Amino acid sequence: MPITITIDWPAGSGKWTTARKLAEKLWFKYLDSGSMYRAAGVYLDERKKDLEHLTDADVEGIELSFSHFGAVQINGIDYESRIRTAEAWVYASLISSQKPARTVVIESGKKILQKDNYVLEGRDTGTVWAPNAQVKIYLIADAYIRAHRRWLELREKGSAISEEEVLKQICERDNRDMTRADGPLRKPEWAYEIDTTSITIEEQVERIYDIVQEVLQK
């Protein structure tokens, strides 16, 4: 039976790099649920769909997968180069609260998880995607710190967005994620909580790695 480790987090808590490094350390595969939502958001925006009022017809025929190199794909087309932008991040926030898009993305993800050992990260991975995961982690961090981290990441990619605007987006995303009717962001049952405000990525990875080893040995 494949092993699944979930990492849930409010926006900007440091999970993306942490989850990827943890997967490498454990020799697990890494599944980025956020990239699936961003890809779906870009795909739907390109087709002029109303991202705030999606219907089942809007998402019909969408099949999400990952290439051998870990690039997110829709219907076999690589979307990786289009999803690491501020706009794609907003699209993901808009569609991840809506059932038509959530159904397509989550069902695709569940199929992927059945094939191998995975570190899975997102907003509701330990509550909706993999409620029976062997290990669940919940990362938290101060909103200002999360906004700064996200701003640095976007700046490195050439974005001119201000840090104040990123903080505004972070707070808006938190509110949407925590108040949505379908799969709201919350700490999963029996999840280990780690505050990442003042610790490095390496320290995050080590803490989670130790937890994983302890749980799996039991």
N, C-alpha and C. Protein backbone atom coordinates (compact mmCIF):
# COMPACT_ATOMS: atom_id res chain seq x y z
N MET A 1 0.84 -1.20 0.00
CA MET A 1 0.00 0.00 0.00
C MET A 1 0.88 1.25 0.00
N PRO A 2 0.67 2.16 -0.93
CA PRO A 2 1.49 3.38 -0.99
C PRO A 2 1.34 4.22 0.28
N ILE A 3 2.41 4.91 0.63
CA ILE A 3 2.42 5.80 1.79
C ILE A 3 2.19 7.23 1.31
N THR A 4 1.31 7.95 2.01
CA THR A 4 1.04 9.35 1.69
C THR A 4 1.31 10.22 2.90
N ILE A 5 2.08 11.28 2.69
CA ILE A 5 2.33 12.28 3.72
C ILE A 5 1.72 13.58 3.24
N THR A 6 0.81 14.16 4.02
CA THR A 6 0.17 15.40 3.61
C THR A 6 0.75 16.59 4.39
N ILE A 7 0.88 17.71 3.68
CA ILE A 7 1.31 18.95 4.31
C ILE A 7 0.32 20.04 3.93
N ASP A 8 -0.46 20.50 4.89
CA ASP A 8 -1.42 21.58 4.65
C ASP A 8 -0.91 22.87 5.25
N TRP A 9 -1.37 23.99 4.71
CA TRP A 9 -0.74 25.25 5.06
C TRP A 9 -1.56 26.42 4.55
N PRO A 10 -1.60 27.52 5.28
CA PRO A 10 -2.10 28.77 4.71
C PRO A 10 -1.10 29.26 3.67
N ALA A 11 -1.52 30.12 2.77
CA ALA A 11 -0.67 30.59 1.68
C ALA A 11 0.65 31.16 2.20
N GLY A 12 1.76 30.71 1.61
CA GLY A 12 3.07 31.28 1.92
C GLY A 12 3.73 30.75 3.18
N SER A 13 3.29 29.60 3.68
CA SER A 13 3.89 29.08 4.92
C SER A 13 5.19 28.33 4.71
N GLY A 14 5.61 28.21 3.48
CA GLY A 14 6.90 27.58 3.22
C GLY A 14 6.82 26.16 2.74
N LYS A 15 5.61 25.69 2.45
CA LYS A 15 5.41 24.27 2.17
C LYS A 15 6.02 23.80 0.88
N TRP A 16 6.02 24.64 -0.17
CA TRP A 16 6.41 24.16 -1.50
C TRP A 16 7.84 23.60 -1.48
N THR A 17 8.78 24.40 -1.02
CA THR A 17 10.17 23.94 -0.96
C THR A 17 10.33 22.85 0.08
N THR A 18 9.65 23.01 1.21
CA THR A 18 9.73 22.01 2.28
C THR A 18 9.26 20.65 1.80
N ALA A 19 8.11 20.62 1.14
CA ALA A 19 7.55 19.35 0.67
C ALA A 19 8.45 18.70 -0.37
N ARG A 20 8.99 19.50 -1.25
CA ARG A 20 9.86 18.97 -2.30
C ARG A 20 11.14 18.36 -1.71
N LYS A 21 11.75 19.09 -0.77
CA LYS A 21 12.97 18.60 -0.14
C LYS A 21 12.70 17.37 0.73
N LEU A 22 11.56 17.35 1.39
CA LEU A 22 11.20 16.19 2.20
C LEU A 22 11.04 14.96 1.31
N ALA A 23 10.37 15.13 0.19
CA ALA A 23 10.18 14.01 -0.74
C ALA A 23 11.53 13.47 -1.21
N GLU A 24 12.46 14.35 -1.51
CA GLU A 24 13.80 13.93 -1.94
C GLU A 24 14.50 13.15 -0.83
N LYS A 25 14.37 13.62 0.40
CA LYS A 25 15.05 12.98 1.53
C LYS A 25 14.48 11.59 1.81
N LEU A 26 13.18 11.44 1.58
CA LEU A 26 12.51 10.17 1.84
C LEU A 26 12.52 9.24 0.62
N TRP A 27 12.96 9.75 -0.51
CA TRP A 27 12.88 9.03 -1.78
C TRP A 27 11.42 8.78 -2.16
N PHE A 28 10.57 9.73 -1.84
CA PHE A 28 9.17 9.70 -2.24
C PHE A 28 8.99 10.60 -3.46
N LYS A 29 7.85 10.48 -4.12
CA LYS A 29 7.47 11.42 -5.16
C LYS A 29 6.77 12.63 -4.52
N TYR A 30 6.76 13.71 -5.24
CA TYR A 30 6.19 14.96 -4.73
C TYR A 30 5.00 15.37 -5.59
N LEU A 31 3.86 15.65 -4.95
CA LEU A 31 2.67 16.09 -5.67
C LEU A 31 2.28 17.48 -5.20
N ASP A 32 2.34 18.45 -6.11
CA ASP A 32 2.01 19.84 -5.83
C ASP A 32 0.57 20.10 -6.26
N SER A 33 -0.37 20.06 -5.33
CA SER A 33 -1.77 20.27 -5.67
C SER A 33 -2.01 21.69 -6.17
N GLY A 34 -1.24 22.64 -5.65
CA GLY A 34 -1.39 24.03 -6.07
C GLY A 34 -1.10 24.21 -7.55
N SER A 35 -0.10 23.49 -8.07
CA SER A 35 0.23 23.61 -9.48
C SER A 35 -0.91 23.10 -10.35
N MET A 36 -1.65 22.12 -9.83
CA MET A 36 -2.79 21.60 -10.58
C MET A 36 -3.89 22.66 -10.68
N TYR A 37 -4.15 23.35 -9.57
CA TYR A 37 -5.15 24.41 -9.59
C TYR A 37 -4.70 25.59 -10.45
N ARG A 38 -3.41 25.93 -10.36
CA ARG A 38 -2.92 27.04 -11.18
C ARG A 38 -3.03 26.72 -12.66
N ALA A 39 -2.66 25.49 -13.02
CA ALA A 39 -2.75 25.09 -14.42
C ALA A 39 -4.20 25.12 -14.90
N ALA A 40 -5.09 24.59 -14.08
CA ALA A 40 -6.51 24.60 -14.46
C ALA A 40 -7.03 26.03 -14.59
N GLY A 41 -6.57 26.91 -13.68
CA GLY A 41 -6.99 28.30 -13.74
C GLY A 41 -6.52 28.99 -15.01
N VAL A 42 -5.26 28.77 -15.37
CA VAL A 42 -4.71 29.36 -16.60
C VAL A 42 -5.45 28.81 -17.82
N TYR A 43 -5.68 27.51 -17.82
CA TYR A 43 -6.40 26.85 -18.92
C TYR A 43 -7.78 27.47 -19.11
N LEU A 44 -8.50 27.65 -18.01
CA LEU A 44 -9.86 28.18 -18.09
C LEU A 44 -9.86 29.67 -18.46
N ASP A 45 -8.88 30.42 -17.94
CA ASP A 45 -8.79 31.84 -18.29
C ASP A 45 -8.49 32.02 -19.77
N GLU A 46 -7.63 31.17 -20.31
CA GLU A 46 -7.31 31.24 -21.73
C GLU A 46 -8.54 31.00 -22.60
N ARG A 47 -9.50 30.28 -22.05
CA ARG A 47 -10.72 29.99 -22.79
C ARG A 47 -11.87 30.91 -22.40
N LYS A 48 -11.50 32.01 -21.72
CA LYS A 48 -12.44 33.08 -21.38
C LYS A 48 -13.60 32.61 -20.50
N LYS A 49 -13.33 31.66 -19.61
CA LYS A 49 -14.35 31.20 -18.68
C LYS A 49 -14.43 32.16 -17.50
N ASP A 50 -15.59 32.26 -16.89
CA ASP A 50 -15.79 33.10 -15.71
C ASP A 50 -15.26 32.33 -14.50
N LEU A 51 -14.09 32.70 -14.04
CA LEU A 51 -13.43 31.94 -12.98
C LEU A 51 -14.15 32.02 -11.64
N GLU A 52 -15.05 32.98 -11.49
CA GLU A 52 -15.78 33.11 -10.22
C GLU A 52 -17.11 32.39 -10.25
N HIS A 53 -17.52 31.91 -11.42
CA HIS A 53 -18.82 31.23 -11.54
C HIS A 53 -18.69 30.07 -12.52
N LEU A 54 -17.90 29.08 -12.15
CA LEU A 54 -17.66 27.95 -13.03
C LEU A 54 -18.83 26.96 -13.02
N THR A 55 -19.02 26.30 -14.14
CA THR A 55 -20.04 25.26 -14.26
C THR A 55 -19.36 23.94 -14.59
N ASP A 56 -20.10 22.86 -14.48
CA ASP A 56 -19.55 21.55 -14.85
C ASP A 56 -19.13 21.53 -16.31
N ALA A 57 -19.87 22.23 -17.15
CA ALA A 57 -19.55 22.27 -18.58
C ALA A 57 -18.21 22.96 -18.83
N ASP A 58 -17.87 23.95 -18.00
CA ASP A 58 -16.61 24.68 -18.17
C ASP A 58 -15.39 23.77 -18.00
N VAL A 59 -15.50 22.79 -17.11
CA VAL A 59 -14.34 21.95 -16.80
C VAL A 59 -14.40 20.58 -17.47
N GLU A 60 -15.43 20.36 -18.25
CA GLU A 60 -15.59 19.07 -18.92
C GLU A 60 -14.41 18.79 -19.85
N GLY A 61 -13.88 17.60 -19.76
CA GLY A 61 -12.79 17.19 -20.65
C GLY A 61 -11.40 17.52 -20.14
N ILE A 62 -11.30 18.14 -18.96
CA ILE A 62 -9.98 18.48 -18.41
C ILE A 62 -9.38 17.25 -17.72
N GLU A 63 -8.19 16.86 -18.12
CA GLU A 63 -7.48 15.76 -17.49
C GLU A 63 -6.10 16.27 -17.05
N LEU A 64 -5.86 16.24 -15.75
CA LEU A 64 -4.60 16.73 -15.19
C LEU A 64 -3.66 15.58 -14.90
N SER A 65 -2.39 15.79 -15.19
CA SER A 65 -1.38 14.78 -14.93
C SER A 65 -0.02 15.47 -14.79
N PHE A 66 1.01 14.66 -14.57
CA PHE A 66 2.37 15.19 -14.48
C PHE A 66 3.27 14.41 -15.42
N SER A 67 4.20 15.12 -16.03
CA SER A 67 5.15 14.46 -16.92
C SER A 67 6.16 13.68 -16.10
N HIS A 68 7.00 12.94 -16.78
CA HIS A 68 8.06 12.17 -16.12
C HIS A 68 9.00 13.08 -15.33
N PHE A 69 9.10 14.34 -15.77
CA PHE A 69 9.99 15.31 -15.12
C PHE A 69 9.26 16.17 -14.08
N GLY A 70 7.98 15.85 -13.81
CA GLY A 70 7.24 16.55 -12.77
C GLY A 70 6.52 17.80 -13.21
N ALA A 71 6.42 18.04 -14.51
CA ALA A 71 5.71 19.21 -15.02
C ALA A 71 4.21 18.92 -15.10
N VAL A 72 3.41 19.87 -14.61
CA VAL A 72 1.96 19.68 -14.64
C VAL A 72 1.46 19.82 -16.07
N GLN A 73 0.51 18.94 -16.44
CA GLN A 73 -0.02 18.91 -17.78
C GLN A 73 -1.54 18.89 -17.77
N ILE A 74 -2.14 19.45 -18.80
CA ILE A 74 -3.57 19.33 -19.02
C ILE A 74 -3.77 18.74 -20.40
N ASN A 75 -4.44 17.58 -20.44
CA ASN A 75 -4.68 16.88 -21.69
C ASN A 75 -3.38 16.70 -22.49
N GLY A 76 -2.30 16.40 -21.74
CA GLY A 76 -1.02 16.12 -22.37
C GLY A 76 -0.19 17.33 -22.75
N ILE A 77 -0.70 18.54 -22.49
CA ILE A 77 0.02 19.77 -22.82
C ILE A 77 0.69 20.32 -21.56
N ASP A 78 1.97 20.64 -21.65
CA ASP A 78 2.75 21.13 -20.51
C ASP A 78 2.33 22.56 -20.16
N TYR A 79 1.97 22.77 -18.89
CA TYR A 79 1.56 24.10 -18.41
C TYR A 79 2.55 24.67 -17.39
N GLU A 80 3.63 23.97 -17.12
CA GLU A 80 4.55 24.37 -16.06
C GLU A 80 5.07 25.79 -16.26
N SER A 81 5.41 26.18 -17.47
CA SER A 81 6.00 27.50 -17.72
C SER A 81 5.00 28.63 -17.55
N ARG A 82 3.71 28.30 -17.44
CA ARG A 82 2.68 29.34 -17.39
C ARG A 82 2.08 29.55 -16.00
N ILE A 83 2.51 28.76 -15.02
CA ILE A 83 1.80 28.78 -13.75
C ILE A 83 2.54 29.44 -12.60
N ARG A 84 3.79 29.86 -12.79
CA ARG A 84 4.56 30.47 -11.70
C ARG A 84 4.49 31.99 -11.78
N THR A 85 3.27 32.52 -11.85
CA THR A 85 3.06 33.96 -11.93
C THR A 85 2.05 34.39 -10.88
N ALA A 86 2.01 35.69 -10.60
CA ALA A 86 1.03 36.22 -9.64
C ALA A 86 -0.39 35.99 -10.14
N GLU A 87 -0.58 36.10 -11.47
CA GLU A 87 -1.92 35.92 -12.04
C GLU A 87 -2.40 34.48 -11.87
N ALA A 88 -1.52 33.53 -12.12
CA ALA A 88 -1.90 32.13 -11.97
C ALA A 88 -2.24 31.80 -10.53
N TRP A 89 -1.53 32.44 -9.61
CA TRP A 89 -1.78 32.23 -8.18
C TRP A 89 -3.19 32.71 -7.81
N VAL A 90 -3.60 33.86 -8.38
CA VAL A 90 -4.95 34.39 -8.13
C VAL A 90 -6.00 33.48 -8.77
N TYR A 91 -5.73 33.00 -9.98
CA TYR A 91 -6.67 32.09 -10.64
C TYR A 91 -6.91 30.86 -9.78
N ALA A 92 -5.83 30.31 -9.21
CA ALA A 92 -5.95 29.12 -8.38
C ALA A 92 -6.82 29.38 -7.17
N SER A 93 -6.65 30.56 -6.57
CA SER A 93 -7.45 30.93 -5.41
C SER A 93 -8.93 31.00 -5.76
N LEU A 94 -9.22 31.53 -6.94
CA LEU A 94 -10.62 31.69 -7.35
C LEU A 94 -11.29 30.36 -7.64
N ILE A 95 -10.61 29.46 -8.32
CA ILE A 95 -11.27 28.21 -8.72
C ILE A 95 -11.22 27.13 -7.66
N SER A 96 -10.27 27.23 -6.72
CA SER A 96 -10.12 26.16 -5.72
C SER A 96 -11.27 26.12 -4.72
N SER A 97 -12.12 27.15 -4.71
CA SER A 97 -13.26 27.17 -3.80
C SER A 97 -14.54 26.71 -4.49
N GLN A 98 -14.44 26.35 -5.76
CA GLN A 98 -15.63 26.00 -6.52
C GLN A 98 -15.65 24.51 -6.87
N LYS A 99 -16.80 23.90 -6.65
CA LYS A 99 -16.93 22.45 -6.77
C LYS A 99 -16.56 21.90 -8.14
N PRO A 100 -16.97 22.50 -9.26
CA PRO A 100 -16.60 21.91 -10.56
C PRO A 100 -15.09 21.74 -10.73
N ALA A 101 -14.33 22.80 -10.41
CA ALA A 101 -12.88 22.72 -10.55
C ALA A 101 -12.27 21.80 -9.50
N ARG A 102 -12.75 21.88 -8.28
CA ARG A 102 -12.22 21.05 -7.20
C ARG A 102 -12.40 19.56 -7.52
N THR A 103 -13.55 19.21 -8.05
CA THR A 103 -13.82 17.81 -8.37
C THR A 103 -12.82 17.27 -9.38
N VAL A 104 -12.58 18.03 -10.45
CA VAL A 104 -11.66 17.61 -11.50
C VAL A 104 -10.25 17.46 -10.95
N VAL A 105 -9.79 18.46 -10.20
CA VAL A 105 -8.42 18.45 -9.68
C VAL A 105 -8.22 17.34 -8.65
N ILE A 106 -9.13 17.25 -7.69
CA ILE A 106 -8.97 16.28 -6.60
C ILE A 106 -9.05 14.84 -7.11
N GLU A 107 -9.99 14.57 -8.00
CA GLU A 107 -10.09 13.21 -8.53
C GLU A 107 -8.84 12.83 -9.31
N SER A 108 -8.28 13.78 -10.05
CA SER A 108 -7.03 13.52 -10.76
C SER A 108 -5.92 13.21 -9.76
N GLY A 109 -5.87 14.00 -8.67
CA GLY A 109 -4.84 13.81 -7.66
C GLY A 109 -4.95 12.47 -6.95
N LYS A 110 -6.16 12.05 -6.63
CA LYS A 110 -6.36 10.78 -5.94
C LYS A 110 -5.88 9.60 -6.79
N LYS A 111 -6.08 9.69 -8.08
CA LYS A 111 -5.61 8.64 -8.98
C LYS A 111 -4.09 8.55 -8.97
N ILE A 112 -3.45 9.72 -8.94
CA ILE A 112 -1.99 9.77 -8.91
C ILE A 112 -1.45 9.16 -7.62
N LEU A 113 -2.09 9.46 -6.49
CA LEU A 113 -1.62 8.99 -5.19
C LEU A 113 -1.67 7.47 -5.05
N GLN A 114 -2.51 6.83 -5.81
CA GLN A 114 -2.64 5.37 -5.73
C GLN A 114 -1.46 4.63 -6.34
N LYS A 115 -0.61 5.36 -7.05
CA LYS A 115 0.44 4.71 -7.84
C LYS A 115 1.79 4.60 -7.14
N ASP A 116 2.03 5.41 -6.08
CA ASP A 116 3.36 5.40 -5.47
C ASP A 116 3.32 6.11 -4.12
N ASN A 117 4.48 6.16 -3.43
CA ASN A 117 4.60 6.92 -2.19
C ASN A 117 4.75 8.40 -2.53
N TYR A 118 3.95 9.24 -1.84
CA TYR A 118 3.94 10.66 -2.17
C TYR A 118 3.98 11.56 -0.95
N VAL A 119 4.65 12.70 -1.12
CA VAL A 119 4.47 13.85 -0.23
C VAL A 119 3.53 14.79 -0.97
N LEU A 120 2.39 15.04 -0.37
CA LEU A 120 1.34 15.83 -1.00
C LEU A 120 1.12 17.10 -0.20
N GLU A 121 1.11 18.26 -0.88
CA GLU A 121 0.89 19.50 -0.15
C GLU A 121 -0.21 20.33 -0.78
N GLY A 122 -0.89 21.13 0.05
CA GLY A 122 -1.97 21.97 -0.43
C GLY A 122 -2.72 22.60 0.72
N ARG A 123 -4.02 22.87 0.50
CA ARG A 123 -4.85 23.50 1.52
C ARG A 123 -5.74 22.51 2.27
N ASP A 124 -6.07 21.40 1.61
CA ASP A 124 -7.01 20.44 2.23
C ASP A 124 -6.60 19.00 1.95
N THR A 125 -5.30 18.78 1.85
CA THR A 125 -4.83 17.45 1.49
C THR A 125 -5.07 16.43 2.59
N GLY A 126 -4.95 16.85 3.85
CA GLY A 126 -5.14 15.93 4.96
C GLY A 126 -6.59 15.76 5.37
N THR A 127 -7.47 16.59 4.83
CA THR A 127 -8.90 16.51 5.17
C THR A 127 -9.74 15.96 4.03
N VAL A 128 -9.36 16.27 2.78
CA VAL A 128 -10.17 15.88 1.63
C VAL A 128 -9.44 14.94 0.68
N TRP A 129 -8.23 15.32 0.27
CA TRP A 129 -7.49 14.50 -0.69
C TRP A 129 -7.11 13.14 -0.11
N ALA A 130 -6.53 13.15 1.08
CA ALA A 130 -6.03 11.90 1.67
C ALA A 130 -6.31 11.89 3.18
N PRO A 131 -7.60 11.78 3.57
CA PRO A 131 -7.94 11.80 4.99
C PRO A 131 -7.35 10.64 5.78
N ASN A 132 -6.94 9.58 5.09
CA ASN A 132 -6.35 8.41 5.76
C ASN A 132 -4.83 8.35 5.59
N ALA A 133 -4.24 9.48 5.27
CA ALA A 133 -2.78 9.53 5.10
C ALA A 133 -2.07 9.06 6.37
N GLN A 134 -0.95 8.39 6.19
CA GLN A 134 -0.22 7.86 7.34
C GLN A 134 0.37 8.97 8.21
N VAL A 135 0.77 10.09 7.59
CA VAL A 135 1.33 11.22 8.34
C VAL A 135 0.71 12.51 7.81
N LYS A 136 0.26 13.37 8.74
CA LYS A 136 -0.32 14.66 8.35
C LYS A 136 0.42 15.78 9.07
N ILE A 137 0.80 16.80 8.31
CA ILE A 137 1.51 17.95 8.86
C ILE A 137 0.70 19.21 8.56
N TYR A 138 0.67 20.14 9.51
CA TYR A 138 -0.01 21.42 9.31
C TYR A 138 0.96 22.54 9.63
N LEU A 139 1.36 23.29 8.60
CA LEU A 139 2.31 24.39 8.77
C LEU A 139 1.58 25.71 8.96
N ILE A 140 2.07 26.54 9.86
CA ILE A 140 1.52 27.88 10.04
C ILE A 140 2.68 28.88 10.08
N ALA A 141 2.35 30.16 9.86
CA ALA A 141 3.36 31.22 9.95
C ALA A 141 2.63 32.56 9.98
N ASP A 142 3.30 33.57 10.52
CA ASP A 142 2.75 34.92 10.56
C ASP A 142 2.47 35.41 9.14
N ALA A 143 1.34 36.12 8.96
CA ALA A 143 0.92 36.57 7.62
C ALA A 143 1.94 37.48 6.97
N TYR A 144 2.57 38.37 7.76
CA TYR A 144 3.57 39.28 7.20
C TYR A 144 4.79 38.52 6.69
N ILE A 145 5.18 37.50 7.43
CA ILE A 145 6.32 36.67 7.02
C ILE A 145 5.96 35.91 5.75
N ARG A 146 4.76 35.37 5.70
CA ARG A 146 4.33 34.63 4.52
C ARG A 146 4.30 35.52 3.28
N ALA A 147 3.80 36.75 3.46
CA ALA A 147 3.75 37.70 2.33
C ALA A 147 5.15 38.05 1.84
N HIS A 148 6.07 38.23 2.78
CA HIS A 148 7.44 38.57 2.39
C HIS A 148 8.08 37.43 1.61
N ARG A 149 7.87 36.21 2.05
CA ARG A 149 8.41 35.05 1.35
C ARG A 149 7.85 34.97 -0.07
N ARG A 150 6.55 35.17 -0.18
CA ARG A 150 5.91 35.08 -1.49
C ARG A 150 6.40 36.21 -2.41
N TRP A 151 6.56 37.40 -1.86
CA TRP A 151 7.04 38.55 -2.63
C TRP A 151 8.45 38.30 -3.17
N LEU A 152 9.32 37.75 -2.34
CA LEU A 152 10.68 37.44 -2.78
C LEU A 152 10.67 36.42 -3.92
N GLU A 153 9.80 35.43 -3.78
CA GLU A 153 9.70 34.39 -4.81
C GLU A 153 9.25 35.00 -6.14
N LEU A 154 8.25 35.88 -6.09
CA LEU A 154 7.75 36.51 -7.31
C LEU A 154 8.75 37.48 -7.91
N ARG A 155 9.46 38.19 -7.04
CA ARG A 155 10.46 39.14 -7.52
C ARG A 155 11.56 38.42 -8.29
N GLU A 156 11.97 37.24 -7.79
CA GLU A 156 13.00 36.46 -8.47
C GLU A 156 12.55 36.02 -9.86
N LYS A 157 11.22 35.93 -10.05
CA LYS A 157 10.68 35.53 -11.34
C LYS A 157 10.38 36.73 -12.23
N GLY A 158 10.77 37.94 -11.76
CA GLY A 158 10.61 39.12 -12.58
C GLY A 158 9.33 39.89 -12.37
N SER A 159 8.52 39.52 -11.39
CA SER A 159 7.27 40.23 -11.13
C SER A 159 7.54 41.57 -10.46
N ALA A 160 6.75 42.59 -10.83
CA ALA A 160 6.90 43.93 -10.25
C ALA A 160 5.87 44.19 -9.15
N ILE A 161 5.14 43.16 -8.73
CA ILE A 161 4.11 43.33 -7.71
C ILE A 161 4.73 43.81 -6.40
N SER A 162 4.02 44.68 -5.67
CA SER A 162 4.53 45.21 -4.41
C SER A 162 4.31 44.22 -3.28
N GLU A 163 5.10 44.36 -2.22
CA GLU A 163 4.95 43.48 -1.06
C GLU A 163 3.61 43.72 -0.39
N GLU A 164 3.12 44.98 -0.41
CA GLU A 164 1.82 45.30 0.18
C GLU A 164 0.69 44.59 -0.56
N GLU A 165 0.80 44.54 -1.88
CA GLU A 165 -0.22 43.86 -2.67
C GLU A 165 -0.19 42.36 -2.41
N VAL A 166 0.99 41.80 -2.23
CA VAL A 166 1.10 40.38 -1.93
C VAL A 166 0.46 40.07 -0.58
N LEU A 167 0.69 40.95 0.41
CA LEU A 167 0.07 40.75 1.73
C LEU A 167 -1.45 40.78 1.61
N LYS A 168 -1.96 41.72 0.81
CA LYS A 168 -3.40 41.80 0.60
C LYS A 168 -3.92 40.51 -0.01
N GLN A 169 -3.22 39.98 -1.01
CA GLN A 169 -3.63 38.74 -1.65
C GLN A 169 -3.58 37.57 -0.67
N ILE A 170 -2.55 37.54 0.16
CA ILE A 170 -2.41 36.48 1.17
C ILE A 170 -3.62 36.48 2.11
N CYS A 171 -3.97 37.64 2.61
CA CYS A 171 -5.09 37.75 3.56
C CYS A 171 -6.41 37.39 2.90
N GLU A 172 -6.59 37.83 1.65
CA GLU A 172 -7.81 37.50 0.92
C GLU A 172 -7.88 36.00 0.66
N ARG A 173 -6.73 35.41 0.33
CA ARG A 173 -6.69 33.97 0.07
C ARG A 173 -7.01 33.19 1.35
N ASP A 174 -6.43 33.62 2.47
CA ASP A 174 -6.72 32.96 3.74
C ASP A 174 -8.22 32.95 4.03
N ASN A 175 -8.85 34.11 3.81
CA ASN A 175 -10.28 34.23 4.09
C ASN A 175 -11.09 33.31 3.19
N ARG A 176 -10.76 33.29 1.90
CA ARG A 176 -11.48 32.41 0.98
C ARG A 176 -11.28 30.95 1.35
N ASP A 177 -10.03 30.59 1.65
CA ASP A 177 -9.73 29.19 1.95
C ASP A 177 -10.40 28.71 3.23
N MET A 178 -10.45 29.58 4.23
CA MET A 178 -10.98 29.18 5.53
C MET A 178 -12.49 29.24 5.62
N THR A 179 -13.13 29.98 4.71
CA THR A 179 -14.58 30.14 4.78
C THR A 179 -15.34 29.44 3.67
N ARG A 180 -14.61 28.83 2.74
CA ARG A 180 -15.32 28.17 1.64
C ARG A 180 -16.13 26.99 2.17
N ALA A 181 -17.23 26.69 1.49
CA ALA A 181 -18.13 25.64 1.95
C ALA A 181 -17.56 24.25 1.69
N ASP A 182 -16.83 24.10 0.61
CA ASP A 182 -16.32 22.79 0.21
C ASP A 182 -14.84 22.67 0.57
N GLY A 183 -14.52 21.84 1.56
CA GLY A 183 -13.13 21.59 1.95
C GLY A 183 -12.39 22.80 2.47
N PRO A 184 -12.92 23.51 3.48
CA PRO A 184 -12.22 24.69 3.99
C PRO A 184 -10.87 24.35 4.61
N LEU A 185 -9.95 25.31 4.57
CA LEU A 185 -8.65 25.12 5.19
C LEU A 185 -8.81 25.02 6.70
N ARG A 186 -8.31 23.95 7.27
CA ARG A 186 -8.29 23.76 8.72
C ARG A 186 -7.25 22.71 9.05
N LYS A 187 -6.87 22.67 10.30
CA LYS A 187 -5.90 21.67 10.72
C LYS A 187 -6.54 20.29 10.66
N PRO A 188 -5.95 19.36 9.91
CA PRO A 188 -6.53 18.02 9.80
C PRO A 188 -6.51 17.30 11.15
N GLU A 189 -7.41 16.38 11.29
CA GLU A 189 -7.46 15.57 12.51
C GLU A 189 -6.15 14.82 12.69
N TRP A 190 -5.64 14.80 13.89
CA TRP A 190 -4.38 14.22 14.34
C TRP A 190 -3.17 14.64 13.51
N ALA A 191 -3.19 15.88 13.00
CA ALA A 191 -2.03 16.41 12.27
C ALA A 191 -1.03 17.02 13.24
N TYR A 192 0.25 16.99 12.88
CA TYR A 192 1.31 17.63 13.66
C TYR A 192 1.45 19.07 13.18
N GLU A 193 1.34 20.03 14.10
CA GLU A 193 1.43 21.45 13.73
C GLU A 193 2.84 21.98 13.94
N ILE A 194 3.34 22.70 12.93
CA ILE A 194 4.68 23.29 13.00
C ILE A 194 4.60 24.75 12.61
N ASP A 195 5.08 25.63 13.46
CA ASP A 195 5.12 27.07 13.17
C ASP A 195 6.43 27.36 12.45
N THR A 196 6.33 27.83 11.21
CA THR A 196 7.53 28.05 10.39
C THR A 196 8.01 29.50 10.40
N THR A 197 7.40 30.34 11.22
CA THR A 197 7.71 31.77 11.21
C THR A 197 9.20 32.05 11.34
N SER A 198 9.85 31.36 12.25
CA SER A 198 11.25 31.70 12.55
C SER A 198 12.21 30.54 12.37
N ILE A 199 11.84 29.56 11.56
CA ILE A 199 12.77 28.45 11.30
C ILE A 199 13.04 28.34 9.81
N THR A 200 14.18 27.80 9.48
CA THR A 200 14.60 27.69 8.09
C THR A 200 13.90 26.51 7.40
N ILE A 201 14.01 26.49 6.08
CA ILE A 201 13.47 25.37 5.31
C ILE A 201 14.11 24.06 5.76
N GLU A 202 15.43 24.10 5.96
CA GLU A 202 16.14 22.88 6.38
C GLU A 202 15.63 22.37 7.73
N GLU A 203 15.36 23.31 8.65
CA GLU A 203 14.83 22.92 9.96
C GLU A 203 13.43 22.34 9.82
N GLN A 204 12.63 22.91 8.93
CA GLN A 204 11.28 22.38 8.70
C GLN A 204 11.36 20.94 8.20
N VAL A 205 12.24 20.73 7.23
CA VAL A 205 12.38 19.40 6.65
C VAL A 205 12.81 18.39 7.70
N GLU A 206 13.78 18.76 8.53
CA GLU A 206 14.28 17.84 9.55
C GLU A 206 13.20 17.50 10.58
N ARG A 207 12.43 18.51 10.99
CA ARG A 207 11.37 18.25 11.97
C ARG A 207 10.33 17.29 11.41
N ILE A 208 9.92 17.52 10.15
CA ILE A 208 8.92 16.65 9.56
C ILE A 208 9.49 15.26 9.32
N TYR A 209 10.75 15.21 8.87
CA TYR A 209 11.40 13.92 8.63
C TYR A 209 11.42 13.09 9.92
N ASP A 210 11.75 13.71 11.03
CA ASP A 210 11.79 13.00 12.32
C ASP A 210 10.40 12.49 12.69
N ILE A 211 9.37 13.30 12.44
CA ILE A 211 8.01 12.89 12.73
C ILE A 211 7.62 11.68 11.86
N VAL A 212 7.96 11.75 10.60
CA VAL A 212 7.64 10.66 9.67
C VAL A 212 8.31 9.37 10.11
N GLN A 213 9.58 9.45 10.45
CA GLN A 213 10.29 8.25 10.90
C GLN A 213 9.67 7.65 12.16
N GLU A 214 9.30 8.51 13.08
CA GLU A 214 8.69 8.04 14.34
C GLU A 214 7.34 7.36 14.07
N VAL A 215 6.52 7.99 13.25
CA VAL A 215 5.19 7.45 12.96
C VAL A 215 5.29 6.14 12.19
N LEU A 216 6.11 6.08 11.16
CA LEU A 216 6.20 4.88 10.35
C LEU A 216 6.82 3.71 11.09
N GLN A 217 7.71 4.00 12.02
CA GLN A 217 8.32 2.93 12.81
C GLN A 217 7.31 2.27 13.73
N LYS A 218 6.30 3.06 14.15
CA LYS A 218 5.25 2.50 15.00
C LYS A 218 4.34 1.55 14.25
